[in-house]
């Protein structure tokens, strides 16, 4: 029950964010859409993802970590774009993956892609690593550690049984 309520709230907040209007009618509409979506897909989603009550807090933390990283990456890219000299070192790096399951690997790859300055190029067929194109690679090991210590670490907490 807690998982369903959390999913409804997340969907409602997502609706408010997508519409760009923080009003009571918009939030209520998001709640209604969230209820419909959870009613239609909630049982299957919680069964497939194996989510339980103890996964709620790490999932909320993951959302906040993603939001923080999104803002910081936007500021970094903004600084690069507006600097008088385009001082970047683009490249593709190979990032090892400790996560298992297609859904969670896709979640990690999408989080990396949605963060400005990075783009997931390909996931290896064996799901052991993926390639990421970075706008600026100052230190490859530090970039890999950043991905693994933020997104992957929290996703592992969410998807552990």
N, C-alpha and C. Protein backbone atom coordinates (compact mmCIF):
# COMPACT_ATOMS: atom_id res chain seq x y z
N UNK A 1 0.82 -1.20 0.00
CA UNK A 1 0.00 0.00 0.00
C UNK A 1 0.86 1.26 0.00
N UNK A 2 1.92 1.25 0.80
CA UNK A 2 2.81 2.41 0.86
C UNK A 2 3.48 2.62 -0.49
N UNK A 3 3.84 1.54 -1.17
CA UNK A 3 4.46 1.65 -2.48
C UNK A 3 3.50 2.29 -3.47
N UNK A 4 2.24 1.88 -3.44
CA UNK A 4 1.26 2.45 -4.37
C UNK A 4 1.05 3.94 -4.11
N UNK A 5 0.95 4.34 -2.85
CA UNK A 5 0.77 5.75 -2.52
C UNK A 5 1.99 6.55 -2.97
N UNK A 6 3.17 5.99 -2.74
CA UNK A 6 4.41 6.67 -3.17
C UNK A 6 4.45 6.82 -4.68
N UNK A 7 4.07 5.76 -5.40
CA UNK A 7 4.04 5.84 -6.86
C UNK A 7 3.05 6.90 -7.33
N UNK A 8 1.89 6.97 -6.70
CA UNK A 8 0.89 7.97 -7.07
C UNK A 8 1.44 9.38 -6.85
N UNK A 9 2.09 9.60 -5.72
CA UNK A 9 2.66 10.92 -5.43
C UNK A 9 3.78 11.27 -6.41
N UNK A 10 4.62 10.30 -6.73
CA UNK A 10 5.70 10.55 -7.69
C UNK A 10 5.12 10.88 -9.06
N UNK A 11 4.10 10.15 -9.47
CA UNK A 11 3.46 10.42 -10.76
C UNK A 11 2.78 11.79 -10.76
N UNK A 12 2.17 12.16 -9.64
CA UNK A 12 1.52 13.48 -9.55
C UNK A 12 2.56 14.59 -9.64
N UNK A 13 3.66 14.44 -8.93
CA UNK A 13 4.72 15.44 -8.99
C UNK A 13 5.37 15.49 -10.37
N UNK A 14 5.48 14.34 -11.01
CA UNK A 14 6.00 14.30 -12.37
C UNK A 14 5.07 15.05 -13.31
N UNK A 15 3.77 14.86 -13.13
CA UNK A 15 2.78 15.57 -13.94
C UNK A 15 2.92 17.08 -13.76
N UNK A 16 3.04 17.51 -12.51
CA UNK A 16 3.18 18.94 -12.22
C UNK A 16 4.47 19.47 -12.88
N UNK A 17 5.54 18.71 -12.80
CA UNK A 17 6.81 19.14 -13.40
C UNK A 17 6.71 19.21 -14.92
N UNK A 18 6.04 18.24 -15.52
CA UNK A 18 5.92 18.22 -16.98
C UNK A 18 5.01 19.34 -17.50
N UNK A 19 3.95 19.64 -16.76
CA UNK A 19 3.05 20.70 -17.21
C UNK A 19 3.61 22.07 -16.88
N UNK A 20 4.48 22.15 -15.90
CA UNK A 20 5.09 23.41 -15.54
C UNK A 20 4.19 24.35 -14.77
N UNK A 21 3.10 23.82 -14.22
CA UNK A 21 2.17 24.65 -13.45
C UNK A 21 1.99 24.04 -12.07
N UNK A 22 2.43 24.76 -11.07
CA UNK A 22 2.29 24.31 -9.69
C UNK A 22 1.02 24.92 -9.11
N UNK A 23 -0.11 24.32 -9.49
CA UNK A 23 -1.40 24.77 -9.00
C UNK A 23 -2.15 23.57 -8.43
N UNK A 24 -3.14 23.86 -7.61
CA UNK A 24 -3.93 22.77 -7.03
C UNK A 24 -4.64 21.93 -8.10
N UNK A 25 -5.29 22.55 -9.11
CA UNK A 25 -5.92 21.72 -10.15
C UNK A 25 -4.92 20.83 -10.89
N UNK A 26 -3.73 21.35 -11.15
CA UNK A 26 -2.71 20.56 -11.84
C UNK A 26 -2.27 19.38 -10.97
N UNK A 27 -2.08 19.62 -9.67
CA UNK A 27 -1.67 18.55 -8.77
C UNK A 27 -2.78 17.50 -8.63
N UNK A 28 -4.02 17.94 -8.54
CA UNK A 28 -5.16 17.01 -8.44
C UNK A 28 -5.26 16.17 -9.71
N UNK A 29 -5.04 16.81 -10.85
CA UNK A 29 -5.06 16.07 -12.11
C UNK A 29 -3.95 15.02 -12.12
N UNK A 30 -2.77 15.40 -11.61
CA UNK A 30 -1.66 14.45 -11.50
C UNK A 30 -2.00 13.30 -10.58
N UNK A 31 -2.68 13.60 -9.46
CA UNK A 31 -3.10 12.52 -8.55
C UNK A 31 -4.07 11.57 -9.23
N UNK A 32 -5.03 12.15 -9.97
CA UNK A 32 -6.00 11.30 -10.67
C UNK A 32 -5.32 10.42 -11.72
N UNK A 33 -4.43 11.02 -12.50
CA UNK A 33 -3.70 10.23 -13.49
C UNK A 33 -2.83 9.18 -12.80
N UNK A 34 -2.20 9.55 -11.68
CA UNK A 34 -1.41 8.60 -10.93
C UNK A 34 -2.23 7.42 -10.43
N UNK A 35 -3.45 7.72 -9.93
CA UNK A 35 -4.34 6.65 -9.46
C UNK A 35 -4.70 5.70 -10.60
N UNK A 36 -5.02 6.26 -11.75
CA UNK A 36 -5.39 5.43 -12.90
C UNK A 36 -4.20 4.57 -13.34
N UNK A 37 -3.04 5.18 -13.44
CA UNK A 37 -1.86 4.43 -13.88
C UNK A 37 -1.49 3.34 -12.89
N UNK A 38 -1.52 3.66 -11.59
CA UNK A 38 -1.19 2.65 -10.58
C UNK A 38 -2.24 1.55 -10.56
N UNK A 39 -3.50 1.91 -10.77
CA UNK A 39 -4.55 0.90 -10.81
C UNK A 39 -4.35 -0.05 -11.99
N UNK A 40 -3.97 0.51 -13.13
CA UNK A 40 -3.78 -0.30 -14.33
C UNK A 40 -2.49 -1.12 -14.29
N UNK A 41 -1.40 -0.49 -13.81
CA UNK A 41 -0.09 -1.13 -13.91
C UNK A 41 0.61 -1.35 -12.58
N UNK A 42 0.06 -0.86 -11.50
CA UNK A 42 0.75 -0.88 -10.21
C UNK A 42 1.11 -2.26 -9.70
N UNK A 43 0.19 -3.18 -9.75
CA UNK A 43 0.44 -4.53 -9.23
C UNK A 43 1.55 -5.20 -10.03
N UNK A 44 1.46 -5.06 -11.34
CA UNK A 44 2.47 -5.67 -12.20
C UNK A 44 3.83 -5.00 -11.99
N UNK A 45 3.85 -3.67 -11.87
CA UNK A 45 5.11 -2.94 -11.70
C UNK A 45 5.78 -3.31 -10.38
N UNK A 46 5.03 -3.35 -9.29
CA UNK A 46 5.63 -3.69 -8.00
C UNK A 46 6.08 -5.16 -7.99
N UNK A 47 5.37 -6.00 -8.72
CA UNK A 47 5.75 -7.41 -8.79
C UNK A 47 7.03 -7.59 -9.62
N UNK A 48 7.10 -6.91 -10.77
CA UNK A 48 8.27 -7.01 -11.64
C UNK A 48 9.49 -6.37 -10.99
N UNK A 49 9.31 -5.18 -10.39
CA UNK A 49 10.42 -4.46 -9.80
C UNK A 49 10.76 -4.95 -8.41
N UNK A 50 9.88 -5.74 -7.82
CA UNK A 50 10.09 -6.30 -6.48
C UNK A 50 10.33 -5.20 -5.45
N UNK A 51 9.47 -4.16 -5.50
CA UNK A 51 9.59 -3.04 -4.57
C UNK A 51 8.82 -3.33 -3.29
N UNK A 52 9.43 -2.95 -2.16
CA UNK A 52 8.80 -3.10 -0.86
C UNK A 52 8.91 -1.79 -0.10
N UNK A 53 8.37 -1.75 1.09
CA UNK A 53 8.37 -0.53 1.89
C UNK A 53 9.79 -0.03 2.15
N UNK A 54 10.72 -0.93 2.41
CA UNK A 54 12.09 -0.49 2.71
C UNK A 54 12.81 0.08 1.49
N UNK A 55 12.20 0.00 0.31
CA UNK A 55 12.80 0.60 -0.88
C UNK A 55 12.35 2.04 -1.09
N UNK A 56 11.35 2.50 -0.36
CA UNK A 56 10.78 3.83 -0.58
C UNK A 56 11.81 4.92 -0.31
N UNK A 57 12.47 4.88 0.84
CA UNK A 57 13.41 5.93 1.18
C UNK A 57 14.59 5.99 0.21
N UNK A 58 15.23 4.86 -0.15
CA UNK A 58 16.30 4.95 -1.16
C UNK A 58 15.79 5.46 -2.51
N UNK A 59 14.55 5.13 -2.87
CA UNK A 59 13.98 5.62 -4.13
C UNK A 59 13.80 7.14 -4.09
N UNK A 60 13.34 7.66 -2.96
CA UNK A 60 13.20 9.11 -2.79
C UNK A 60 14.58 9.77 -2.84
N UNK A 61 15.56 9.16 -2.17
CA UNK A 61 16.92 9.69 -2.20
C UNK A 61 17.48 9.70 -3.62
N UNK A 62 17.19 8.65 -4.38
CA UNK A 62 17.65 8.57 -5.77
C UNK A 62 17.07 9.73 -6.59
N UNK A 63 15.81 10.05 -6.37
CA UNK A 63 15.19 11.17 -7.09
C UNK A 63 15.89 12.49 -6.74
N UNK A 64 16.20 12.69 -5.46
CA UNK A 64 16.87 13.93 -5.05
C UNK A 64 18.31 13.97 -5.57
N UNK A 65 18.99 12.84 -5.55
CA UNK A 65 20.36 12.79 -6.09
C UNK A 65 20.34 13.13 -7.58
N UNK A 66 19.38 12.56 -8.30
CA UNK A 66 19.28 12.84 -9.73
C UNK A 66 18.98 14.32 -9.97
N UNK A 67 18.07 14.89 -9.19
CA UNK A 67 17.75 16.32 -9.35
C UNK A 67 18.98 17.18 -9.08
N UNK A 68 19.72 16.87 -8.03
CA UNK A 68 20.94 17.63 -7.70
C UNK A 68 21.97 17.51 -8.83
N UNK A 69 22.23 16.29 -9.28
CA UNK A 69 23.20 16.09 -10.35
C UNK A 69 22.75 16.77 -11.64
N UNK A 70 21.46 16.79 -11.88
CA UNK A 70 20.92 17.45 -13.07
C UNK A 70 21.20 18.95 -13.03
N UNK A 71 20.96 19.57 -11.89
CA UNK A 71 21.21 21.01 -11.73
C UNK A 71 22.71 21.30 -11.86
N UNK A 72 23.53 20.52 -11.18
CA UNK A 72 24.98 20.77 -11.22
C UNK A 72 25.54 20.57 -12.63
N UNK A 73 25.06 19.56 -13.35
CA UNK A 73 25.53 19.33 -14.71
C UNK A 73 25.08 20.46 -15.64
N UNK A 74 23.86 20.95 -15.43
CA UNK A 74 23.38 22.09 -16.23
C UNK A 74 24.26 23.31 -16.02
N UNK A 75 24.62 23.58 -14.77
CA UNK A 75 25.48 24.72 -14.47
C UNK A 75 26.87 24.53 -15.09
N UNK A 76 27.38 23.33 -15.04
CA UNK A 76 28.69 23.05 -15.62
C UNK A 76 28.68 23.25 -17.14
N UNK A 77 27.67 22.72 -17.80
CA UNK A 77 27.56 22.88 -19.25
C UNK A 77 27.34 24.35 -19.59
N UNK A 78 26.53 25.04 -18.81
CA UNK A 78 26.30 26.46 -19.03
C UNK A 78 27.61 27.25 -18.94
N UNK A 79 28.43 26.94 -17.95
CA UNK A 79 29.71 27.61 -17.80
C UNK A 79 30.61 27.33 -19.00
N UNK A 80 30.60 26.09 -19.51
CA UNK A 80 31.41 25.75 -20.68
C UNK A 80 30.93 26.51 -21.92
N UNK A 81 29.63 26.59 -22.09
CA UNK A 81 29.06 27.25 -23.27
C UNK A 81 29.37 28.73 -23.28
N UNK A 82 29.29 29.38 -22.14
CA UNK A 82 29.48 30.82 -22.07
C UNK A 82 30.92 31.24 -21.80
N UNK A 83 31.82 30.29 -21.68
CA UNK A 83 33.21 30.68 -21.47
C UNK A 83 33.76 31.23 -22.80
N UNK A 84 34.69 32.17 -22.72
CA UNK A 84 35.21 32.77 -23.95
C UNK A 84 35.94 31.76 -24.85
N UNK A 85 36.56 30.79 -24.24
CA UNK A 85 37.25 29.75 -25.00
C UNK A 85 36.58 28.41 -24.72
N UNK A 86 36.31 27.68 -25.76
CA UNK A 86 35.69 26.37 -25.60
C UNK A 86 36.77 25.38 -25.21
N UNK A 87 36.99 25.27 -23.91
CA UNK A 87 38.05 24.44 -23.37
C UNK A 87 37.45 23.11 -22.91
N UNK A 88 37.17 22.24 -23.86
CA UNK A 88 36.59 20.94 -23.53
C UNK A 88 37.46 19.83 -24.08
N UNK A 89 37.29 18.66 -23.50
CA UNK A 89 38.00 17.47 -23.94
C UNK A 89 36.97 16.34 -24.03
N UNK A 90 36.21 16.28 -25.13
CA UNK A 90 35.17 15.25 -25.26
C UNK A 90 35.78 13.87 -25.48
N UNK A 91 35.01 12.86 -25.13
CA UNK A 91 35.48 11.50 -25.35
C UNK A 91 34.45 10.47 -24.89
N UNK A 92 34.74 9.24 -25.18
CA UNK A 92 33.87 8.13 -24.80
C UNK A 92 34.62 7.28 -23.78
N UNK A 93 33.92 6.97 -22.69
CA UNK A 93 34.53 6.15 -21.63
C UNK A 93 33.71 4.88 -21.44
N UNK A 94 34.36 3.87 -20.93
CA UNK A 94 33.74 2.57 -20.65
C UNK A 94 33.47 2.50 -19.15
N UNK A 95 32.19 2.38 -18.78
CA UNK A 95 31.80 2.36 -17.37
C UNK A 95 31.31 0.96 -17.01
N UNK A 96 31.98 0.29 -16.06
CA UNK A 96 31.50 -1.04 -15.63
C UNK A 96 30.20 -0.91 -14.84
N UNK A 97 29.34 -1.92 -14.98
CA UNK A 97 28.03 -1.92 -14.32
C UNK A 97 27.97 -3.08 -13.33
N UNK A 98 27.52 -2.79 -12.11
CA UNK A 98 27.30 -3.83 -11.11
C UNK A 98 25.82 -4.15 -10.96
N UNK A 99 24.97 -3.37 -11.60
CA UNK A 99 23.51 -3.55 -11.51
C UNK A 99 23.10 -4.71 -12.41
N UNK A 100 22.08 -5.44 -11.96
CA UNK A 100 21.52 -6.52 -12.77
C UNK A 100 20.06 -6.21 -13.06
N UNK A 101 19.59 -6.68 -14.17
CA UNK A 101 18.20 -6.47 -14.55
C UNK A 101 18.07 -5.36 -15.58
N UNK A 102 17.33 -5.67 -16.63
CA UNK A 102 17.20 -4.74 -17.75
C UNK A 102 16.59 -3.40 -17.32
N UNK A 103 15.60 -3.44 -16.43
CA UNK A 103 14.95 -2.20 -16.01
C UNK A 103 15.93 -1.28 -15.31
N UNK A 104 16.72 -1.81 -14.39
CA UNK A 104 17.62 -0.98 -13.60
C UNK A 104 18.81 -0.51 -14.43
N UNK A 105 19.28 -1.33 -15.36
CA UNK A 105 20.36 -0.90 -16.26
C UNK A 105 19.85 0.23 -17.15
N UNK A 106 18.64 0.08 -17.65
CA UNK A 106 18.03 1.14 -18.47
C UNK A 106 17.84 2.41 -17.65
N UNK A 107 17.43 2.27 -16.39
CA UNK A 107 17.27 3.44 -15.52
C UNK A 107 18.60 4.17 -15.35
N UNK A 108 19.66 3.43 -15.09
CA UNK A 108 20.98 4.04 -14.93
C UNK A 108 21.42 4.72 -16.23
N UNK A 109 21.26 4.03 -17.35
CA UNK A 109 21.67 4.60 -18.64
C UNK A 109 20.88 5.86 -18.95
N UNK A 110 19.59 5.87 -18.65
CA UNK A 110 18.77 7.05 -18.90
C UNK A 110 19.14 8.20 -17.97
N UNK A 111 19.44 7.91 -16.72
CA UNK A 111 19.86 8.97 -15.81
C UNK A 111 21.16 9.62 -16.30
N UNK A 112 22.08 8.82 -16.79
CA UNK A 112 23.33 9.35 -17.34
C UNK A 112 23.03 10.19 -18.58
N UNK A 113 22.17 9.70 -19.45
CA UNK A 113 21.83 10.41 -20.67
C UNK A 113 21.09 11.72 -20.39
N UNK A 114 20.20 11.71 -19.42
CA UNK A 114 19.42 12.91 -19.11
C UNK A 114 20.24 13.98 -18.41
N UNK A 115 21.40 13.61 -17.88
CA UNK A 115 22.28 14.59 -17.25
C UNK A 115 23.06 15.30 -18.36
N UNK A 116 22.95 16.62 -18.45
CA UNK A 116 23.64 17.35 -19.53
C UNK A 116 25.15 17.12 -19.51
N UNK A 117 25.70 16.98 -20.70
CA UNK A 117 27.13 16.76 -20.84
C UNK A 117 27.51 15.30 -20.97
N UNK A 118 26.55 14.40 -20.78
CA UNK A 118 26.83 12.97 -20.92
C UNK A 118 25.74 12.32 -21.76
N UNK A 119 26.11 11.25 -22.43
CA UNK A 119 25.17 10.52 -23.27
C UNK A 119 25.56 9.05 -23.29
N UNK A 120 24.65 8.19 -22.92
CA UNK A 120 24.92 6.76 -22.99
C UNK A 120 24.86 6.35 -24.45
N UNK A 121 25.97 5.80 -24.94
CA UNK A 121 26.07 5.44 -26.35
C UNK A 121 25.57 4.02 -26.58
N UNK A 122 26.04 3.10 -25.73
CA UNK A 122 25.69 1.69 -25.92
C UNK A 122 25.89 0.92 -24.63
N UNK A 123 25.03 -0.06 -24.42
CA UNK A 123 25.20 -1.00 -23.31
C UNK A 123 25.73 -2.29 -23.93
N UNK A 124 26.74 -2.85 -23.30
CA UNK A 124 27.35 -4.08 -23.82
C UNK A 124 26.32 -5.21 -23.82
N UNK A 125 26.42 -6.13 -24.76
CA UNK A 125 25.48 -7.26 -24.82
C UNK A 125 25.43 -8.10 -23.55
N UNK A 126 26.55 -8.19 -22.82
CA UNK A 126 26.57 -8.98 -21.59
C UNK A 126 26.11 -8.17 -20.37
N UNK A 127 25.74 -6.90 -20.56
CA UNK A 127 25.26 -6.00 -19.49
C UNK A 127 26.29 -5.80 -18.37
N UNK A 128 27.56 -5.90 -18.69
CA UNK A 128 28.61 -5.72 -17.68
C UNK A 128 29.20 -4.30 -17.70
N UNK A 129 28.98 -3.57 -18.78
CA UNK A 129 29.46 -2.20 -18.88
C UNK A 129 28.67 -1.45 -19.95
N UNK A 130 28.79 -0.13 -19.94
CA UNK A 130 28.23 0.66 -21.02
C UNK A 130 29.18 1.80 -21.36
N UNK A 131 29.00 2.34 -22.56
CA UNK A 131 29.84 3.42 -23.04
C UNK A 131 29.11 4.74 -22.89
N UNK A 132 29.84 5.74 -22.40
CA UNK A 132 29.25 7.06 -22.17
C UNK A 132 30.10 8.10 -22.90
N UNK A 133 29.44 8.93 -23.71
CA UNK A 133 30.12 10.06 -24.33
C UNK A 133 30.02 11.23 -23.36
N UNK A 134 31.16 11.82 -23.03
CA UNK A 134 31.20 12.94 -22.10
C UNK A 134 31.66 14.19 -22.84
N UNK A 135 31.04 15.31 -22.53
CA UNK A 135 31.41 16.58 -23.13
C UNK A 135 32.82 16.99 -22.71
N UNK A 136 33.16 16.69 -21.47
CA UNK A 136 34.47 17.07 -20.97
C UNK A 136 34.98 15.99 -20.02
N UNK A 137 36.13 15.40 -20.37
CA UNK A 137 36.73 14.38 -19.52
C UNK A 137 38.06 14.93 -19.02
N UNK A 138 38.05 15.43 -17.80
CA UNK A 138 39.30 15.88 -17.19
C UNK A 138 40.05 14.68 -16.63
N UNK A 139 39.28 13.78 -15.98
CA UNK A 139 39.87 12.61 -15.35
C UNK A 139 38.89 11.45 -15.55
N UNK A 140 39.25 10.50 -16.37
CA UNK A 140 38.35 9.39 -16.71
C UNK A 140 37.94 8.59 -15.48
N UNK A 141 38.89 8.28 -14.61
CA UNK A 141 38.60 7.50 -13.40
C UNK A 141 37.63 8.26 -12.49
N UNK A 142 37.80 9.57 -12.39
CA UNK A 142 36.92 10.38 -11.56
C UNK A 142 35.50 10.42 -12.15
N UNK A 143 35.39 10.49 -13.47
CA UNK A 143 34.08 10.50 -14.12
C UNK A 143 33.36 9.18 -13.89
N UNK A 144 34.08 8.08 -14.03
CA UNK A 144 33.50 6.75 -13.78
C UNK A 144 33.07 6.63 -12.33
N UNK A 145 33.94 7.05 -11.41
CA UNK A 145 33.61 6.99 -9.99
C UNK A 145 32.40 7.85 -9.66
N UNK A 146 32.28 8.98 -10.33
CA UNK A 146 31.13 9.85 -10.10
C UNK A 146 29.82 9.16 -10.47
N UNK A 147 29.80 8.49 -11.59
CA UNK A 147 28.59 7.76 -12.02
C UNK A 147 28.29 6.61 -11.05
N UNK A 148 29.32 5.87 -10.69
CA UNK A 148 29.13 4.70 -9.83
C UNK A 148 28.77 5.10 -8.39
N UNK A 149 29.34 6.19 -7.89
CA UNK A 149 29.10 6.60 -6.50
C UNK A 149 27.79 7.34 -6.30
N UNK A 150 27.21 7.85 -7.37
CA UNK A 150 25.94 8.57 -7.21
C UNK A 150 24.78 7.70 -7.66
N UNK A 151 24.60 7.59 -8.96
CA UNK A 151 23.43 6.89 -9.49
C UNK A 151 23.45 5.39 -9.21
N UNK A 152 24.55 4.73 -9.56
CA UNK A 152 24.57 3.27 -9.45
C UNK A 152 24.47 2.81 -8.00
N UNK A 153 25.17 3.49 -7.11
CA UNK A 153 25.14 3.11 -5.69
C UNK A 153 23.71 3.17 -5.14
N UNK A 154 22.99 4.24 -5.46
CA UNK A 154 21.63 4.39 -4.95
C UNK A 154 20.66 3.42 -5.64
N UNK A 155 20.86 3.18 -6.93
CA UNK A 155 20.01 2.20 -7.64
C UNK A 155 20.21 0.81 -7.03
N UNK A 156 21.45 0.47 -6.67
CA UNK A 156 21.70 -0.81 -6.02
C UNK A 156 20.96 -0.92 -4.69
N UNK A 157 20.85 0.19 -3.95
CA UNK A 157 20.09 0.17 -2.71
C UNK A 157 18.59 -0.03 -2.98
N UNK A 158 18.10 0.58 -4.05
CA UNK A 158 16.68 0.48 -4.37
C UNK A 158 16.33 -0.92 -4.84
N UNK A 159 17.19 -1.54 -5.65
CA UNK A 159 16.81 -2.82 -6.24
C UNK A 159 17.25 -4.04 -5.44
N UNK A 160 17.94 -3.83 -4.31
CA UNK A 160 18.33 -5.00 -3.51
C UNK A 160 17.09 -5.61 -2.85
N UNK A 161 17.09 -6.93 -2.69
CA UNK A 161 15.89 -7.59 -2.12
C UNK A 161 15.71 -7.31 -0.64
